[in-house]
Amino acid sequence: MIHRLQVQLTILFTAFVLLVLVSVSVTYWGLQTQGQDALVINLAGRQRMLIQQMTRLALQVQDWNDSALADLPESEQPFGQTLSALQHGGSAPYLTDSVVNLPAASDTQILTALHNVETNWEQYRFTLETMTASSDSPSLQVTLEQQSDDLVQKADVVVRLYEATSTAKVNRLR
């Protein structure tokens, strides 16, 4: 009788320890996932700021500001690299002289939204290059500003989709 009670208590204790270990593991995994999601959302949000910065610099170039022309590639390059990393995975610039590795987007809505950003980015970049290579052109300025607004809105959609996906992960974890 005592031996049987001992076996039952051992099984109960082992089950309790396993339950605690599983709980700790799932919590740790959830925290790691949240950290990665926060990084991706931050980088997606940064894309919006880079678009606005490139537009401002292009308009300054039209006002004969040569330093803006030199600063423009410093915004274009991170935007393109981050967009590629968000779509296909890989490294993206982060903070000053830092690089992070991002997972490829797997959600079809996010991939579609990123493709829309990429399509608009190519049009925007063409207008940007045309504008910075030519003299003062009010029609190009208007076109660039319209494309910038459209690109910012599409980048905002990406941020919201990443946020929704992250929230759904947290809800599943709960």
Protein backbone atom coordinates (compact mmCIF):
# COMPACT_ATOMS: atom_id res chain seq x y z
CA MET A 1 0.00 0.00 0.00
CA ILE A 2 2.76 2.46 0.92
CA HIS A 3 4.72 1.46 -2.18
CA ARG A 4 1.69 2.14 -4.42
CA LEU A 5 1.13 5.56 -2.79
CA GLN A 6 4.80 6.38 -3.34
CA VAL A 7 4.55 5.51 -7.06
CA GLN A 8 1.43 7.63 -7.46
CA LEU A 9 3.05 10.62 -5.73
CA THR A 10 6.15 10.21 -7.91
CA ILE A 11 4.02 10.18 -11.05
CA LEU A 12 2.07 13.21 -9.84
CA PHE A 13 5.28 15.10 -9.00
CA THR A 14 6.83 14.20 -12.38
CA ALA A 15 3.71 15.37 -14.21
CA PHE A 16 3.79 18.63 -12.25
CA VAL A 17 7.48 19.20 -13.11
CA LEU A 18 6.80 18.46 -16.79
CA LEU A 19 3.87 20.87 -16.78
CA VAL A 20 6.06 23.63 -15.30
CA LEU A 21 8.85 22.93 -17.82
CA VAL A 22 6.43 23.04 -20.75
CA SER A 23 4.91 26.27 -19.43
CA VAL A 24 8.33 27.90 -19.04
CA SER A 25 9.39 26.74 -22.52
CA VAL A 26 6.25 28.06 -24.20
CA THR A 27 6.58 31.37 -22.36
CA TYR A 28 10.23 31.70 -23.40
CA TRP A 29 9.34 30.85 -27.01
CA GLY A 30 6.53 33.42 -26.93
CA LEU A 31 8.87 36.12 -25.63
CA GLN A 32 11.41 35.35 -28.35
CA THR A 33 8.70 35.51 -30.99
CA GLN A 34 7.45 38.82 -29.61
CA GLY A 35 10.96 40.26 -29.75
CA GLN A 36 11.34 39.23 -33.39
CA ASP A 37 7.88 40.56 -34.24
CA ALA A 38 8.68 43.90 -32.59
CA LEU A 39 11.86 44.17 -34.65
CA VAL A 40 10.01 43.44 -37.89
CA ILE A 41 7.26 45.95 -37.05
CA ASN A 42 9.90 48.55 -36.20
CA LEU A 43 11.69 48.02 -39.52
CA ALA A 44 8.43 48.11 -41.47
CA GLY A 45 7.54 51.38 -39.75
CA ARG A 46 10.98 52.75 -40.52
CA GLN A 47 10.23 52.24 -44.20
CA ARG A 48 7.57 54.93 -43.96
CA MET A 49 10.05 57.39 -42.48
CA LEU A 50 12.61 56.62 -45.18
CA ILE A 51 10.06 57.39 -47.91
CA GLN A 52 9.32 60.75 -46.33
CA GLN A 53 13.03 61.46 -45.94
CA MET A 54 13.75 60.61 -49.59
CA THR A 55 10.93 62.87 -50.74
CA ARG A 56 12.22 65.73 -48.60
CA LEU A 57 15.76 65.25 -49.91
CA ALA A 58 14.58 65.12 -53.52
CA LEU A 59 12.69 68.38 -53.05
CA GLN A 60 15.81 69.92 -51.51
CA VAL A 61 17.82 68.79 -54.54
CA GLN A 62 15.35 70.72 -56.70
CA ASP A 63 16.20 73.76 -54.57
CA TRP A 64 19.88 73.29 -55.51
CA ASN A 65 20.93 71.71 -52.22
CA ASP A 66 23.91 69.54 -53.19
CA SER A 67 24.27 67.94 -49.76
CA ALA A 68 20.76 66.51 -50.14
CA LEU A 69 21.86 64.81 -53.36
CA ALA A 70 24.70 63.14 -51.47
CA ASP A 71 22.37 62.05 -48.63
CA LEU A 72 19.71 60.55 -50.90
CA PRO A 73 21.46 57.19 -51.53
CA GLU A 74 21.83 56.78 -47.75
CA SER A 75 18.03 56.54 -47.58
CA GLU A 76 17.45 54.61 -50.80
CA GLN A 77 19.83 51.76 -49.98
CA PRO A 78 18.39 50.84 -46.55
CA PHE A 79 14.87 51.07 -47.93
CA GLY A 80 15.62 48.60 -50.73
CA GLN A 81 17.58 46.22 -48.51
CA THR A 82 14.91 46.20 -45.81
CA LEU A 83 12.12 45.68 -48.32
CA SER A 84 13.96 42.71 -49.78
CA ALA A 85 14.66 41.26 -46.32
CA LEU A 86 11.02 41.64 -45.30
CA GLN A 87 9.91 39.79 -48.43
CA HIS A 88 12.53 37.09 -48.81
CA GLY A 89 14.31 37.02 -45.48
CA GLY A 90 17.94 37.91 -44.92
CA SER A 91 19.88 40.79 -43.54
CA ALA A 92 18.58 44.33 -43.16
CA PRO A 93 20.33 47.44 -41.87
CA TYR A 94 19.31 48.40 -38.36
CA LEU A 95 20.43 51.33 -36.25
CA THR A 96 23.90 52.69 -36.94
CA ASP A 97 26.21 50.18 -38.63
CA SER A 98 24.16 47.24 -37.39
CA VAL A 99 22.56 44.44 -39.36
CA VAL A 100 19.76 42.09 -38.32
CA ASN A 101 18.51 38.91 -39.94
CA LEU A 102 14.82 38.75 -40.70
CA PRO A 103 12.70 35.73 -41.52
CA ALA A 104 10.93 35.67 -44.87
CA ALA A 105 7.30 36.73 -44.75
CA SER A 106 5.04 33.70 -44.93
CA ASP A 107 1.59 35.25 -44.59
CA THR A 108 -0.02 35.73 -48.02
CA GLN A 109 -1.61 39.06 -47.08
CA ILE A 110 1.74 40.43 -45.94
CA LEU A 111 3.47 39.12 -49.06
CA THR A 112 0.84 40.75 -51.26
CA ALA A 113 1.18 44.05 -49.39
CA LEU A 114 4.99 43.89 -49.65
CA HIS A 115 4.68 43.20 -53.38
CA ASN A 116 2.48 46.30 -53.71
CA VAL A 117 5.11 48.33 -51.88
CA GLU A 118 7.80 46.94 -54.17
CA THR A 119 5.83 47.81 -57.31
CA ASN A 120 5.20 51.36 -56.09
CA TRP A 121 8.81 51.63 -54.92
CA GLU A 122 10.07 50.94 -58.45
CA GLN A 123 7.83 53.70 -59.86
CA TYR A 124 8.78 56.07 -57.06
CA ARG A 125 12.49 55.38 -57.51
CA PHE A 126 12.26 56.02 -61.26
CA THR A 127 10.56 59.37 -60.62
CA LEU A 128 13.11 60.15 -57.92
CA GLU A 129 16.04 59.46 -60.26
CA THR A 130 14.44 61.46 -63.06
CA MET A 131 13.75 64.35 -60.75
CA THR A 132 17.24 64.49 -59.26
CA ALA A 133 18.86 64.25 -62.71
CA SER A 134 16.80 67.01 -64.32
CA SER A 135 16.40 70.66 -63.60
CA ASP A 136 13.50 72.20 -61.72
CA SER A 137 10.32 70.42 -62.79
CA PRO A 138 7.10 71.25 -60.94
CA SER A 139 5.21 68.40 -62.60
CA LEU A 140 7.79 65.87 -61.39
CA GLN A 141 7.57 67.33 -57.89
CA VAL A 142 3.82 66.84 -57.85
CA THR A 143 4.19 63.31 -59.23
CA LEU A 144 6.84 62.45 -56.63
CA GLU A 145 4.71 63.80 -53.80
CA GLN A 146 1.69 61.80 -54.98
CA GLN A 147 3.77 58.63 -55.34
CA SER A 148 5.30 59.28 -51.93
CA ASP A 149 1.86 59.55 -50.31
CA ASP A 150 0.73 56.35 -52.03
CA LEU A 151 3.92 54.51 -51.02
CA VAL A 152 3.59 55.67 -47.41
CA GLN A 153 0.01 54.39 -47.31
CA LYS A 154 1.07 51.02 -48.72
CA ALA A 155 3.92 50.79 -46.20
CA ASP A 156 1.43 51.62 -43.45
CA VAL A 157 -0.74 48.70 -44.58
CA VAL A 158 2.30 46.42 -44.20
CA VAL A 159 2.90 47.69 -40.66
CA ARG A 160 -0.75 47.11 -39.71
CA LEU A 161 -0.67 43.58 -41.15
CA TYR A 162 2.49 42.75 -39.18
CA GLU A 163 0.86 44.14 -36.04
CA ALA A 164 -2.28 42.06 -36.62
CA THR A 165 -0.21 38.92 -37.15
CA SER A 166 1.77 39.57 -33.98
CA THR A 167 -1.41 40.17 -31.99
CA ALA A 168 -2.85 36.92 -33.31
CA LYS A 169 0.29 35.06 -32.16
CA VAL A 170 -0.04 36.54 -28.67
CA ASN A 171 -3.70 35.58 -28.52
CA ARG A 172 -2.87 32.00 -29.54
CA LEU A 173 -0.18 31.88 -26.88
CA ARG A 174 -2.67 32.98 -24.23
